[in-house]
Amino acid sequence: MLKEQLKKMGIFEFFSNDMPNPLFIWKLKDDPNRKWTLYDLSDALHVEGWQVPAYTMPKAMEGVIIMRVVVRQGTGFDLADLLMEDIKRCVNQLDALKEPTNSALMWAKKEPQKPRGFNHSR
């Protein structure tokens, strides 16, 4: 259900369709007009109380920012619906930005960014 709703948004590309639930990993589809990154979405969701990490991949793929959600066993539809509502609201707010975020500016310049709470390379 969650993965299907994320797909319907049309802006995410899933890393693998073979990945079993409850793990979902995605990246943003390329859009040169987008003024934000998944780091910004992760930060916005954190403000809402969610821990949805965004991070770059290890050395061979460090040019890719991904997000992941691990859904714990027993998580109900109500909680999944709340997460989707918050993702959609945060994406809409980010899409309304007139200027790029610092994260987007740094990403465009290929400047390293500090990990935000989670780093896969540790």
N, C-alpha and C. Protein backbone atom coordinates (compact mmCIF):
# COMPACT_ATOMS: atom_id res chain seq x y z
N MET A 1 0.82 -1.19 0.00
CA MET A 1 0.00 0.00 0.00
C MET A 1 0.86 1.26 0.00
N LEU A 2 1.82 1.36 0.90
CA LEU A 2 2.68 2.54 1.00
C LEU A 2 3.50 2.73 -0.27
N LYS A 3 4.08 1.65 -0.75
CA LYS A 3 4.90 1.73 -1.96
C LYS A 3 4.06 2.17 -3.15
N GLU A 4 2.86 1.67 -3.27
CA GLU A 4 1.99 2.03 -4.38
C GLU A 4 1.63 3.52 -4.32
N GLN A 5 1.37 4.03 -3.12
CA GLN A 5 1.03 5.44 -2.99
C GLN A 5 2.23 6.33 -3.33
N LEU A 6 3.42 5.90 -2.93
CA LEU A 6 4.62 6.66 -3.29
C LEU A 6 4.82 6.66 -4.80
N LYS A 7 4.60 5.51 -5.44
CA LYS A 7 4.72 5.42 -6.90
C LYS A 7 3.74 6.36 -7.60
N LYS A 8 2.51 6.44 -7.09
CA LYS A 8 1.48 7.29 -7.69
C LYS A 8 1.87 8.76 -7.68
N MET A 9 2.72 9.17 -6.76
CA MET A 9 3.14 10.57 -6.70
C MET A 9 3.93 10.95 -7.96
N GLY A 10 4.57 9.97 -8.58
CA GLY A 10 5.25 10.21 -9.85
C GLY A 10 6.62 10.85 -9.78
N ILE A 11 7.12 11.13 -8.60
CA ILE A 11 8.43 11.80 -8.49
C ILE A 11 9.52 10.87 -7.96
N PHE A 12 9.13 9.71 -7.51
CA PHE A 12 10.09 8.78 -6.92
C PHE A 12 10.37 7.61 -7.86
N GLU A 13 11.60 7.15 -7.80
CA GLU A 13 12.04 5.99 -8.56
C GLU A 13 12.53 4.96 -7.54
N PHE A 14 11.97 3.78 -7.57
CA PHE A 14 12.33 2.77 -6.59
C PHE A 14 13.60 2.04 -7.01
N PHE A 15 14.42 1.76 -6.03
CA PHE A 15 15.69 1.11 -6.31
C PHE A 15 15.51 -0.28 -6.83
N SER A 16 14.53 -0.99 -6.31
CA SER A 16 14.29 -2.35 -6.77
C SER A 16 12.84 -2.70 -6.52
N ASN A 17 12.23 -3.27 -7.52
CA ASN A 17 10.86 -3.77 -7.33
C ASN A 17 10.88 -5.13 -6.66
N ASP A 18 12.07 -5.73 -6.59
CA ASP A 18 12.19 -7.06 -5.99
C ASP A 18 12.39 -7.00 -4.48
N MET A 19 12.59 -5.80 -3.95
CA MET A 19 12.83 -5.64 -2.53
C MET A 19 11.58 -6.05 -1.75
N PRO A 20 11.73 -6.96 -0.82
CA PRO A 20 10.53 -7.41 -0.09
C PRO A 20 10.04 -6.35 0.90
N ASN A 21 8.75 -6.35 1.13
CA ASN A 21 8.23 -5.52 2.22
C ASN A 21 8.85 -6.05 3.48
N PRO A 22 9.16 -5.32 4.43
CA PRO A 22 8.73 -3.96 4.73
C PRO A 22 9.77 -2.89 4.41
N LEU A 23 10.70 -3.15 3.49
CA LEU A 23 11.76 -2.19 3.19
C LEU A 23 11.47 -1.51 1.85
N PHE A 24 11.45 -0.17 1.87
CA PHE A 24 11.24 0.61 0.66
C PHE A 24 12.40 1.58 0.51
N ILE A 25 13.05 1.55 -0.64
CA ILE A 25 14.17 2.43 -0.92
C ILE A 25 13.89 3.14 -2.23
N TRP A 26 14.01 4.49 -2.22
CA TRP A 26 13.74 5.23 -3.43
C TRP A 26 14.65 6.43 -3.56
N LYS A 27 14.68 6.98 -4.77
CA LYS A 27 15.38 8.23 -5.05
C LYS A 27 14.42 9.12 -5.82
N LEU A 28 14.77 10.38 -5.95
CA LEU A 28 13.96 11.29 -6.75
C LEU A 28 14.26 11.07 -8.23
N LYS A 29 13.23 11.13 -9.04
CA LYS A 29 13.45 11.12 -10.48
C LYS A 29 14.14 12.44 -10.84
N ASP A 30 14.96 12.39 -11.87
CA ASP A 30 15.67 13.60 -12.29
C ASP A 30 14.68 14.67 -12.73
N ASP A 31 14.89 15.88 -12.24
CA ASP A 31 14.09 17.04 -12.63
C ASP A 31 14.96 18.27 -12.43
N PRO A 32 15.46 18.87 -13.51
CA PRO A 32 16.37 20.01 -13.37
C PRO A 32 15.71 21.23 -12.72
N ASN A 33 14.40 21.27 -12.65
CA ASN A 33 13.70 22.41 -12.05
C ASN A 33 13.41 22.23 -10.56
N ARG A 34 13.68 21.03 -10.04
CA ARG A 34 13.40 20.78 -8.62
C ARG A 34 14.35 21.60 -7.75
N LYS A 35 13.82 22.21 -6.73
CA LYS A 35 14.59 23.11 -5.88
C LYS A 35 14.93 22.50 -4.52
N TRP A 36 14.80 21.19 -4.40
CA TRP A 36 15.06 20.53 -3.13
C TRP A 36 15.60 19.13 -3.37
N THR A 37 16.11 18.53 -2.29
CA THR A 37 16.64 17.17 -2.35
C THR A 37 15.91 16.29 -1.33
N LEU A 38 16.24 15.03 -1.34
CA LEU A 38 15.66 14.14 -0.34
C LEU A 38 16.12 14.48 1.07
N TYR A 39 17.28 15.14 1.19
CA TYR A 39 17.70 15.61 2.51
C TYR A 39 16.66 16.58 3.07
N ASP A 40 16.15 17.45 2.21
CA ASP A 40 15.14 18.42 2.64
C ASP A 40 13.84 17.73 3.02
N LEU A 41 13.45 16.73 2.25
CA LEU A 41 12.23 15.98 2.59
C LEU A 41 12.42 15.25 3.91
N SER A 42 13.58 14.66 4.11
CA SER A 42 13.86 13.97 5.37
C SER A 42 13.77 14.94 6.55
N ASP A 43 14.36 16.13 6.39
CA ASP A 43 14.30 17.14 7.45
C ASP A 43 12.86 17.57 7.73
N ALA A 44 12.08 17.78 6.66
CA ALA A 44 10.68 18.20 6.83
C ALA A 44 9.88 17.12 7.54
N LEU A 45 10.12 15.86 7.20
CA LEU A 45 9.41 14.76 7.86
C LEU A 45 9.84 14.62 9.32
N HIS A 46 11.11 14.91 9.59
CA HIS A 46 11.60 14.85 10.97
C HIS A 46 10.86 15.86 11.85
N VAL A 47 10.59 17.04 11.29
CA VAL A 47 9.82 18.06 12.02
C VAL A 47 8.44 17.52 12.37
N GLU A 48 7.89 16.67 11.51
CA GLU A 48 6.57 16.07 11.75
C GLU A 48 6.64 14.86 12.68
N GLY A 49 7.85 14.48 13.08
CA GLY A 49 8.00 13.37 14.03
C GLY A 49 8.41 12.04 13.41
N TRP A 50 8.70 12.02 12.11
CA TRP A 50 9.09 10.79 11.41
C TRP A 50 10.60 10.69 11.30
N GLN A 51 11.10 9.48 11.34
CA GLN A 51 12.51 9.22 11.08
C GLN A 51 12.61 8.48 9.76
N VAL A 52 12.77 9.25 8.70
CA VAL A 52 12.90 8.70 7.35
C VAL A 52 14.23 9.22 6.81
N PRO A 53 15.28 8.43 6.95
CA PRO A 53 16.61 8.93 6.58
C PRO A 53 16.81 9.09 5.07
N ALA A 54 17.61 10.09 4.74
CA ALA A 54 18.09 10.28 3.38
C ALA A 54 19.61 10.29 3.47
N TYR A 55 20.25 9.61 2.56
CA TYR A 55 21.70 9.56 2.59
C TYR A 55 22.23 9.15 1.22
N THR A 56 23.51 9.42 1.00
CA THR A 56 24.12 8.99 -0.25
C THR A 56 24.57 7.55 -0.12
N MET A 57 24.73 6.94 -1.24
CA MET A 57 25.17 5.56 -1.30
C MET A 57 26.69 5.48 -1.05
N PRO A 58 27.22 4.28 -0.86
CA PRO A 58 28.67 4.13 -0.67
C PRO A 58 29.46 4.59 -1.91
N LYS A 59 30.78 4.54 -1.78
CA LYS A 59 31.70 5.14 -2.75
C LYS A 59 31.37 4.95 -4.22
N ALA A 60 31.07 3.80 -4.66
CA ALA A 60 30.85 3.58 -6.09
C ALA A 60 29.59 4.28 -6.61
N MET A 61 28.69 4.67 -5.70
CA MET A 61 27.43 5.30 -6.10
C MET A 61 27.13 6.56 -5.29
N GLU A 62 28.17 7.29 -4.87
CA GLU A 62 27.92 8.44 -3.99
C GLU A 62 27.17 9.58 -4.67
N GLY A 63 26.93 9.48 -5.96
CA GLY A 63 26.15 10.49 -6.67
C GLY A 63 24.66 10.26 -6.59
N VAL A 64 24.22 9.36 -5.73
CA VAL A 64 22.79 9.04 -5.60
C VAL A 64 22.36 9.25 -4.16
N ILE A 65 21.32 10.06 -3.97
CA ILE A 65 20.71 10.22 -2.64
C ILE A 65 19.48 9.33 -2.61
N ILE A 66 19.36 8.54 -1.55
CA ILE A 66 18.19 7.67 -1.41
C ILE A 66 17.48 7.96 -0.09
N MET A 67 16.26 7.52 -0.02
CA MET A 67 15.48 7.50 1.23
C MET A 67 15.03 6.08 1.43
N ARG A 68 14.83 5.75 2.69
CA ARG A 68 14.31 4.41 2.95
C ARG A 68 13.34 4.44 4.10
N VAL A 69 12.40 3.53 4.02
CA VAL A 69 11.43 3.33 5.09
C VAL A 69 11.45 1.85 5.42
N VAL A 70 11.55 1.56 6.68
CA VAL A 70 11.40 0.18 7.16
C VAL A 70 10.12 0.17 7.99
N VAL A 71 9.15 -0.59 7.53
CA VAL A 71 7.86 -0.66 8.21
C VAL A 71 7.89 -1.84 9.18
N ARG A 72 7.72 -1.52 10.43
CA ARG A 72 7.75 -2.57 11.45
C ARG A 72 6.52 -3.46 11.37
N GLN A 73 6.72 -4.72 11.71
CA GLN A 73 5.60 -5.65 11.74
C GLN A 73 4.56 -5.13 12.72
N GLY A 74 3.31 -5.17 12.33
CA GLY A 74 2.23 -4.71 13.19
C GLY A 74 1.84 -3.26 12.94
N THR A 75 2.57 -2.58 12.05
CA THR A 75 2.20 -1.20 11.72
C THR A 75 0.87 -1.22 10.98
N GLY A 76 -0.06 -0.44 11.46
CA GLY A 76 -1.40 -0.44 10.86
C GLY A 76 -1.54 0.52 9.70
N PHE A 77 -2.64 0.39 8.99
CA PHE A 77 -2.93 1.25 7.85
C PHE A 77 -3.07 2.71 8.27
N ASP A 78 -3.59 2.95 9.49
CA ASP A 78 -3.76 4.33 9.95
C ASP A 78 -2.42 5.06 10.01
N LEU A 79 -1.40 4.39 10.55
CA LEU A 79 -0.08 5.00 10.67
C LEU A 79 0.54 5.20 9.29
N ALA A 80 0.38 4.23 8.40
CA ALA A 80 0.89 4.36 7.03
C ALA A 80 0.21 5.52 6.31
N ASP A 81 -1.10 5.67 6.52
CA ASP A 81 -1.83 6.79 5.92
C ASP A 81 -1.32 8.13 6.44
N LEU A 82 -1.03 8.20 7.74
CA LEU A 82 -0.49 9.44 8.32
C LEU A 82 0.86 9.79 7.70
N LEU A 83 1.71 8.78 7.53
CA LEU A 83 3.01 9.01 6.91
C LEU A 83 2.83 9.53 5.49
N MET A 84 1.95 8.92 4.71
CA MET A 84 1.73 9.36 3.33
C MET A 84 1.18 10.78 3.29
N GLU A 85 0.27 11.11 4.18
CA GLU A 85 -0.26 12.47 4.24
C GLU A 85 0.87 13.47 4.50
N ASP A 86 1.75 13.13 5.43
CA ASP A 86 2.86 14.02 5.74
C ASP A 86 3.85 14.11 4.59
N ILE A 87 4.14 13.00 3.92
CA ILE A 87 5.04 13.03 2.76
C ILE A 87 4.45 13.93 1.68
N LYS A 88 3.18 13.75 1.37
CA LYS A 88 2.54 14.57 0.33
C LYS A 88 2.54 16.05 0.70
N ARG A 89 2.22 16.36 1.94
CA ARG A 89 2.19 17.75 2.38
C ARG A 89 3.59 18.37 2.32
N CYS A 90 4.59 17.62 2.78
CA CYS A 90 5.96 18.13 2.76
C CYS A 90 6.46 18.32 1.33
N VAL A 91 6.15 17.38 0.44
CA VAL A 91 6.55 17.51 -0.97
C VAL A 91 5.87 18.73 -1.59
N ASN A 92 4.60 18.94 -1.30
CA ASN A 92 3.90 20.11 -1.83
C ASN A 92 4.54 21.41 -1.34
N GLN A 93 4.92 21.45 -0.07
CA GLN A 93 5.58 22.64 0.47
C GLN A 93 6.94 22.86 -0.20
N LEU A 94 7.69 21.79 -0.38
CA LEU A 94 9.00 21.90 -1.02
C LEU A 94 8.85 22.28 -2.50
N ASP A 95 7.86 21.74 -3.18
CA ASP A 95 7.64 22.08 -4.58
C ASP A 95 7.26 23.55 -4.76
N ALA A 96 6.69 24.16 -3.74
CA ALA A 96 6.26 25.56 -3.82
C ALA A 96 7.41 26.55 -3.59
N LEU A 97 8.59 26.05 -3.25
CA LEU A 97 9.72 26.94 -3.00
C LEU A 97 10.06 27.75 -4.25
N LYS A 98 10.36 29.02 -4.04
CA LYS A 98 10.75 29.90 -5.15
C LYS A 98 12.25 29.80 -5.44
N GLU A 99 13.03 29.52 -4.41
CA GLU A 99 14.49 29.44 -4.53
C GLU A 99 14.95 28.05 -4.08
N PRO A 100 16.08 27.58 -4.59
CA PRO A 100 16.59 26.27 -4.16
C PRO A 100 17.05 26.27 -2.71
N THR A 101 16.92 25.14 -2.08
CA THR A 101 17.42 24.99 -0.70
C THR A 101 18.95 24.93 -0.73
N ASN A 102 19.55 25.13 0.43
CA ASN A 102 21.01 25.00 0.53
C ASN A 102 21.45 23.61 0.11
N SER A 103 20.68 22.62 0.49
CA SER A 103 20.99 21.24 0.12
C SER A 103 21.01 21.07 -1.39
N ALA A 104 20.04 21.65 -2.09
CA ALA A 104 19.97 21.53 -3.55
C ALA A 104 21.14 22.27 -4.20
N LEU A 105 21.48 23.43 -3.66
CA LEU A 105 22.62 24.19 -4.21
C LEU A 105 23.92 23.41 -4.04
N MET A 106 24.11 22.85 -2.86
CA MET A 106 25.32 22.07 -2.60
C MET A 106 25.37 20.82 -3.49
N TRP A 107 24.23 20.16 -3.65
CA TRP A 107 24.17 18.94 -4.46
C TRP A 107 24.51 19.26 -5.91
N ALA A 108 24.00 20.38 -6.42
CA ALA A 108 24.26 20.77 -7.80
C ALA A 108 25.75 21.04 -8.03
N LYS A 109 26.43 21.53 -6.99
CA LYS A 109 27.87 21.82 -7.08
C LYS A 109 28.73 20.61 -6.72
N LYS A 110 28.07 19.51 -6.40
CA LYS A 110 28.77 18.28 -5.98
C LYS A 110 29.58 18.50 -4.71
N GLU A 111 29.11 19.39 -3.85
CA GLU A 111 29.76 19.65 -2.58
C GLU A 111 29.28 18.63 -1.55
N PRO A 112 30.19 18.12 -0.73
CA PRO A 112 29.78 17.15 0.29
C PRO A 112 28.85 17.79 1.32
N GLN A 113 27.95 16.98 1.82
CA GLN A 113 27.02 17.45 2.84
C GLN A 113 27.18 16.58 4.08
N LYS A 114 27.01 17.21 5.22
CA LYS A 114 27.11 16.46 6.46
C LYS A 114 25.94 15.50 6.57
N PRO A 115 26.21 14.29 7.01
CA PRO A 115 25.10 13.35 7.24
C PRO A 115 24.14 13.91 8.27
N ARG A 116 22.87 13.62 8.09
CA ARG A 116 21.83 14.10 9.00
C ARG A 116 21.30 12.94 9.83
N GLY A 117 22.02 12.58 10.86
CA GLY A 117 21.52 11.58 11.78
C GLY A 117 21.75 10.14 11.39
N PHE A 118 21.91 9.87 10.10
CA PHE A 118 22.14 8.49 9.69
C PHE A 118 23.14 8.51 8.55
N ASN A 119 24.11 7.62 8.63
CA ASN A 119 25.11 7.52 7.57
C ASN A 119 25.41 6.05 7.35
N HIS A 120 25.23 5.59 6.13
CA HIS A 120 25.39 4.19 5.80
C HIS A 120 26.86 3.75 5.77
N SER A 121 27.77 4.72 5.69
CA SER A 121 29.19 4.37 5.53
C SER A 121 29.91 4.14 6.86
N ARG A 122 29.23 4.28 7.97
CA ARG A 122 29.89 4.10 9.27
C ARG A 122 29.98 2.65 9.63
